[in-house]
Amino acid sequence: MSASDLSSIEGLEDKHLRVLTRHGVTDLRGLVLADREVIHRAMANLRPRPPRDLIARWQDDARNLLAETTPDAAQWQMVASFVVVFFQRRAGDAWERRVEAERTEVEPERNPSVWPGWEAAPICEWMVGQLGQANGAEPASGDGAGAEDTAGADERPPLRIDSVVIIDAAGRADVAAAGAVAAGPPRELVAPARVAFTVSGARPKTRLWAVARILRGDGPGRNALDPVAVPDSGNVEFDLSVAPVGEYDVSLIAWAPDATAKPASVRLPAITIRAG
């Protein structure tokens, strides 16, 4: 059995597979990582519509099958993926800077690790340490063997976050396009609120994930729902109602778990969510 074989999961019919494929779920790992609510909404037109407990059972079966799958040593295997975000803000006449990094494929969700400044060495050291935790193997030494891969990395297509829209109880507003924040975006939202955006730029059949990161000045950041697989349409949406009223910075992030595309992020201006 291969890690891409979804047909062996009991109760997963062809009509279900077609919907999953349209939403970027094409293998066992994709099904395990997919957001259950997104799958449930995507299958709203099927009769009978699969209930949430059946979708949960599919994901459990996929998780068990994935654990039994013996990887092909000749193929590239993903060990870990990360999101690294650089921040800066004015502190008098100078810039105050920091970096946040987190693993994207682990459960339960972890708080991001934070470093002052933009020095890359400690971040790289931390990520290499995470690789050791992932498979117990020592990272390869820098003997020049990876030079070809490094050169190829520059040829990866960059992802883009386009057509960012915020919808709240007061209406709908375009806040960014082509990765650039629009002039005069809304600064106050009336709950319930959500953000929708389009991810583009990847090569065909590239598996992509996206997340909306909510950062609050007086506390730790959190994800709005979970990271989701980006469907072929590129359109994703996150419900901001999970956040209590208050002021937030919202960052939208998209990436390819297999690192075949350069990640993209857009940081929106600070917004205040008020009760409806």
Protein backbone atom coordinates (compact mmCIF):
# COMPACT_ATOMS: atom_id res chain seq x y z
CA MET A 1 0.00 0.00 0.00
CA SER A 2 1.27 3.47 -0.84
CA ALA A 3 0.81 6.67 1.13
CA SER A 4 -1.35 8.01 -1.69
CA ASP A 5 -3.92 5.18 -1.58
CA LEU A 6 -7.25 6.58 -0.34
CA SER A 7 -9.39 3.91 -2.00
CA SER A 8 -8.75 1.37 0.78
CA ILE A 9 -10.53 3.49 3.41
CA GLU A 10 -13.88 1.93 4.23
CA GLY A 11 -16.87 4.08 3.26
CA LEU A 12 -14.84 6.50 1.11
CA GLU A 13 -16.64 6.31 -2.25
CA ASP A 14 -15.74 7.73 -5.66
CA LYS A 15 -18.01 10.74 -5.16
CA HIS A 16 -16.24 11.53 -1.90
CA LEU A 17 -12.82 11.14 -3.53
CA ARG A 18 -13.77 13.57 -6.29
CA VAL A 19 -14.71 16.24 -3.73
CA LEU A 20 -11.52 15.65 -1.73
CA THR A 21 -9.40 15.92 -4.88
CA ARG A 22 -11.01 19.25 -5.80
CA HIS A 23 -10.01 20.54 -2.36
CA GLY A 24 -6.40 19.39 -2.59
CA VAL A 25 -6.71 16.15 -0.57
CA THR A 26 -5.11 13.45 -2.72
CA ASP A 27 -3.31 11.16 -0.29
CA LEU A 28 -3.47 9.72 3.22
CA ARG A 29 -1.38 12.49 4.78
CA GLY A 30 -3.54 15.16 3.17
CA LEU A 31 -6.67 13.55 4.60
CA VAL A 32 -5.15 13.33 8.08
CA LEU A 33 -4.15 17.01 8.04
CA ALA A 34 -7.32 18.32 6.40
CA ASP A 35 -9.75 20.43 8.41
CA ARG A 36 -12.81 18.31 9.22
CA GLU A 37 -15.22 21.23 8.98
CA VAL A 38 -13.85 22.19 5.56
CA ILE A 39 -14.47 18.63 4.30
CA HIS A 40 -17.96 18.62 5.80
CA ARG A 41 -18.84 21.91 4.09
CA ALA A 42 -17.34 20.77 0.79
CA MET A 43 -19.64 17.72 0.73
CA ALA A 44 -22.83 19.67 1.39
CA ASN A 45 -24.27 18.78 -2.05
CA LEU A 46 -23.75 15.03 -1.74
CA ARG A 47 -26.66 12.76 -0.91
CA PRO A 48 -26.40 11.35 1.63
CA ARG A 49 -24.03 13.94 3.08
CA PRO A 50 -21.30 12.29 5.19
CA PRO A 51 -21.71 13.26 8.88
CA ARG A 52 -18.80 14.64 10.85
CA ASP A 53 -18.26 11.41 12.79
CA LEU A 54 -17.83 9.50 9.51
CA ILE A 55 -15.26 12.06 8.29
CA ALA A 56 -13.46 11.66 11.63
CA ARG A 57 -13.41 7.88 11.11
CA TRP A 58 -11.94 8.36 7.62
CA GLN A 59 -9.17 10.48 9.12
CA ASP A 60 -8.51 7.90 11.85
CA ASP A 61 -8.30 5.12 9.25
CA ALA A 62 -5.95 7.24 7.12
CA ARG A 63 -3.76 7.90 10.16
CA ASN A 64 -3.55 4.16 10.92
CA LEU A 65 -2.81 3.26 7.29
CA LEU A 66 -0.15 5.93 7.11
CA ALA A 67 1.56 4.46 10.16
CA GLU A 68 1.64 1.05 8.44
CA THR A 69 3.03 2.39 5.16
CA THR A 70 6.69 1.66 4.49
CA PRO A 71 8.19 4.68 2.69
CA ASP A 72 10.20 4.17 -0.48
CA ALA A 73 13.77 5.06 0.47
CA ALA A 74 14.41 6.26 -3.08
CA GLN A 75 11.76 8.99 -2.81
CA TRP A 76 12.00 12.34 -1.06
CA GLN A 77 10.15 12.19 2.27
CA MET A 78 8.98 15.30 4.10
CA VAL A 79 10.50 15.39 7.58
CA ALA A 80 9.19 18.74 8.85
CA SER A 81 7.85 22.06 7.60
CA PHE A 82 8.04 25.49 9.19
CA VAL A 83 6.56 28.95 8.95
CA VAL A 84 9.04 31.75 9.70
CA VAL A 85 7.71 35.30 9.99
CA PHE A 86 9.85 38.45 10.36
CA PHE A 87 8.34 41.35 12.31
CA GLN A 88 9.41 44.93 12.93
CA ARG A 89 7.94 48.00 14.62
CA ARG A 90 9.04 51.52 15.38
CA ALA A 91 10.74 52.07 18.73
CA GLY A 92 11.57 55.76 18.83
CA ASP A 93 13.98 56.51 16.00
CA ALA A 94 14.92 52.87 15.44
CA TRP A 95 13.28 49.60 14.41
CA GLU A 96 12.57 46.86 16.94
CA ARG A 97 12.68 43.46 15.25
CA ARG A 98 11.85 39.88 16.05
CA VAL A 99 11.31 36.53 14.31
CA GLU A 100 8.66 33.91 15.03
CA ALA A 101 8.92 30.32 13.81
CA GLU A 102 6.75 27.26 14.28
CA ARG A 103 6.34 23.74 12.99
CA THR A 104 3.26 23.47 10.78
CA GLU A 105 2.51 19.75 10.67
CA VAL A 106 2.48 18.81 14.37
CA GLU A 107 -0.44 18.27 16.72
CA PRO A 108 -1.39 19.62 19.13
CA GLU A 109 -0.62 23.12 17.91
CA ARG A 110 2.38 24.71 19.62
CA ASN A 111 3.06 28.31 20.46
CA PRO A 112 5.62 29.87 18.09
CA SER A 113 9.23 30.24 19.19
CA VAL A 114 10.38 33.88 19.28
CA TRP A 115 13.84 35.42 18.84
CA PRO A 116 14.80 39.11 19.15
CA GLY A 117 16.37 40.62 16.05
CA TRP A 118 16.70 39.06 12.61
CA GLU A 119 19.78 36.92 13.19
CA ALA A 120 19.27 33.69 11.22
CA ALA A 121 21.76 31.38 12.97
CA PRO A 122 19.73 30.58 16.12
CA ILE A 123 16.57 30.02 14.06
CA CYS A 124 18.36 27.60 11.75
CA GLU A 125 19.87 25.80 14.74
CA TRP A 126 16.39 25.44 16.28
CA MET A 127 14.89 24.09 13.04
CA VAL A 128 17.69 21.55 12.63
CA GLY A 129 17.00 20.44 16.19
CA GLN A 130 13.38 19.92 15.24
CA LEU A 131 14.49 17.65 12.39
CA GLY A 132 16.33 15.49 14.88
CA GLN A 133 13.18 15.23 16.98
CA ALA A 134 11.17 14.27 13.90
CA ASN A 135 13.11 11.18 12.85
CA GLY A 136 15.95 10.68 15.32
CA ALA A 137 18.53 11.13 12.56
CA GLU A 138 21.50 13.45 12.61
CA PRO A 139 21.35 16.18 9.95
CA ALA A 140 23.73 15.81 7.05
CA SER A 141 27.02 17.67 7.41
CA GLY A 142 27.74 20.62 5.15
CA ASP A 143 30.08 18.82 2.74
CA GLY A 144 28.82 20.50 -0.43
CA ALA A 145 26.64 17.54 -1.47
CA GLY A 146 23.52 19.69 -1.36
CA ALA A 147 24.82 22.43 -3.63
CA GLU A 148 22.67 21.33 -6.55
CA ASP A 149 19.51 21.35 -4.43
CA THR A 150 20.38 24.79 -3.07
CA ALA A 151 20.72 26.21 -6.55
CA GLY A 152 17.42 24.64 -7.56
CA ALA A 153 15.68 26.22 -4.60
CA ASP A 154 16.04 29.63 -6.24
CA GLU A 155 13.93 28.39 -9.12
CA ARG A 156 10.92 27.61 -6.96
CA PRO A 157 7.87 29.67 -7.97
CA PRO A 158 6.84 32.24 -5.36
CA LEU A 159 3.34 31.96 -3.97
CA ARG A 160 1.09 35.03 -3.92
CA ILE A 161 -1.78 35.98 -1.64
CA ASP A 162 -4.36 37.81 -3.73
CA SER A 163 -7.80 39.32 -3.32
CA VAL A 164 -7.95 39.53 0.47
CA VAL A 165 -11.48 40.34 1.63
CA ILE A 166 -12.85 40.87 5.12
CA ILE A 167 -16.55 40.28 5.74
CA ASP A 168 -18.24 41.34 8.96
CA ALA A 169 -21.71 42.25 10.20
CA ALA A 170 -21.33 45.71 8.65
CA GLY A 171 -20.47 44.52 5.14
CA ARG A 172 -17.59 43.49 2.91
CA ALA A 173 -14.28 45.27 2.22
CA ASP A 174 -11.29 44.55 -0.04
CA VAL A 175 -8.16 44.89 2.09
CA ALA A 176 -5.36 43.61 -0.17
CA ALA A 177 -4.62 42.62 -3.74
CA ALA A 178 -1.53 41.02 -5.31
CA GLY A 179 0.13 40.88 -1.90
CA ALA A 180 -0.20 44.63 -1.23
CA VAL A 181 -2.47 46.10 1.42
CA ALA A 182 -5.09 48.49 0.03
CA ALA A 183 -5.21 52.11 1.06
CA GLY A 184 -7.55 52.82 3.96
CA PRO A 185 -8.48 49.26 4.97
CA PRO A 186 -11.12 48.86 7.71
CA ARG A 187 -9.68 49.08 11.21
CA GLU A 188 -12.80 48.00 13.13
CA LEU A 189 -14.86 44.87 12.52
CA VAL A 190 -18.24 44.00 13.95
CA ALA A 191 -18.54 40.32 14.91
CA PRO A 192 -19.11 37.88 13.37
CA ALA A 193 -16.17 38.45 11.02
CA ARG A 194 -14.20 36.33 8.58
CA VAL A 195 -11.33 36.76 6.13
CA ALA A 196 -11.17 35.22 2.66
CA PHE A 197 -8.27 35.23 0.22
CA THR A 198 -6.86 33.53 -2.85
CA VAL A 199 -3.51 31.76 -3.09
CA SER A 200 -1.84 31.62 -6.51
CA GLY A 201 1.55 31.18 -8.14
CA ALA A 202 2.16 27.46 -7.59
CA ARG A 203 2.80 24.94 -10.32
CA PRO A 204 -0.15 22.66 -11.18
CA LYS A 205 -0.88 19.90 -8.66
CA THR A 206 1.30 21.50 -5.96
CA ARG A 207 -0.14 20.75 -2.53
CA LEU A 208 -0.55 23.98 -0.57
CA TRP A 209 -1.62 24.92 2.95
CA ALA A 210 -2.75 28.24 4.39
CA VAL A 211 -3.41 29.70 7.82
CA ALA A 212 -4.67 32.94 9.33
CA ARG A 213 -2.46 33.93 12.26
CA ILE A 214 -4.02 36.21 14.89
CA LEU A 215 -1.57 38.12 17.06
CA ARG A 216 -2.73 40.04 20.09
CA GLY A 217 -0.52 42.67 21.67
CA ASP A 218 -1.28 41.58 25.24
CA GLY A 219 -1.05 37.84 24.74
CA PRO A 220 0.19 34.97 22.55
CA GLY A 221 -0.90 34.51 18.95
CA ARG A 222 -3.28 31.79 17.86
CA ASN A 223 -4.49 30.25 14.66
CA ALA A 224 -8.02 31.01 13.49
CA LEU A 225 -9.24 27.43 13.22
CA ASP A 226 -6.53 25.10 11.87
CA PRO A 227 -4.29 25.33 8.82
CA VAL A 228 -6.27 24.11 5.80
CA ALA A 229 -5.38 22.52 2.49
CA VAL A 230 -5.79 25.03 -0.33
CA PRO A 231 -8.24 23.70 -2.96
CA ASP A 232 -7.55 23.88 -6.68
CA SER A 233 -9.55 27.12 -6.85
CA GLY A 234 -7.01 28.72 -4.48
CA ASN A 235 -9.82 30.22 -2.38
CA VAL A 236 -9.64 29.83 1.40
CA GLU A 237 -11.62 31.38 4.22
CA PHE A 238 -11.14 31.67 7.98
CA ASP A 239 -13.70 32.52 10.62
CA LEU A 240 -12.33 35.24 12.92
CA SER A 241 -15.19 34.74 15.37
CA VAL A 242 -13.00 32.34 17.35
CA ALA A 243 -11.17 35.41 18.66
CA PRO A 244 -12.74 37.39 21.52
CA VAL A 245 -13.28 41.11 21.09
CA GLY A 246 -10.07 43.11 21.14
CA GLU A 247 -7.27 44.46 18.94
CA TYR A 248 -5.30 42.10 16.71
CA ASP A 249 -2.68 41.89 14.01
CA VAL A 250 -3.69 39.35 11.35
CA SER A 251 -1.12 37.60 9.17
CA LEU A 252 -2.14 35.40 6.24
CA ILE A 253 0.39 32.70 5.36
CA ALA A 254 0.53 30.15 2.54
CA TRP A 255 3.18 27.49 1.95
CA ALA A 256 3.96 24.20 0.20
CA PRO A 257 4.75 21.48 2.78
CA ASP A 258 7.21 19.87 0.37
CA ALA A 259 9.01 23.22 -0.14
CA THR A 260 8.44 23.17 -3.93
CA ALA A 261 7.19 26.78 -3.83
CA LYS A 262 8.34 29.83 -1.90
CA PRO A 263 5.90 30.70 0.92
CA ALA A 264 3.91 33.92 0.97
CA SER A 265 2.54 36.06 3.75
CA VAL A 266 0.57 39.27 4.08
CA ARG A 267 0.30 41.16 7.35
CA LEU A 268 -2.84 43.26 7.64
CA PRO A 269 -2.95 46.50 9.62
CA ALA A 270 -4.11 46.23 13.22
CA ILE A 271 -7.85 45.62 13.48
CA THR A 272 -10.25 45.80 16.39
CA ILE A 273 -13.02 43.23 16.64
CA ARG A 274 -16.11 44.54 18.43
CA ALA A 275 -19.16 42.68 19.64
CA GLY A 276 -22.11 42.61 17.24
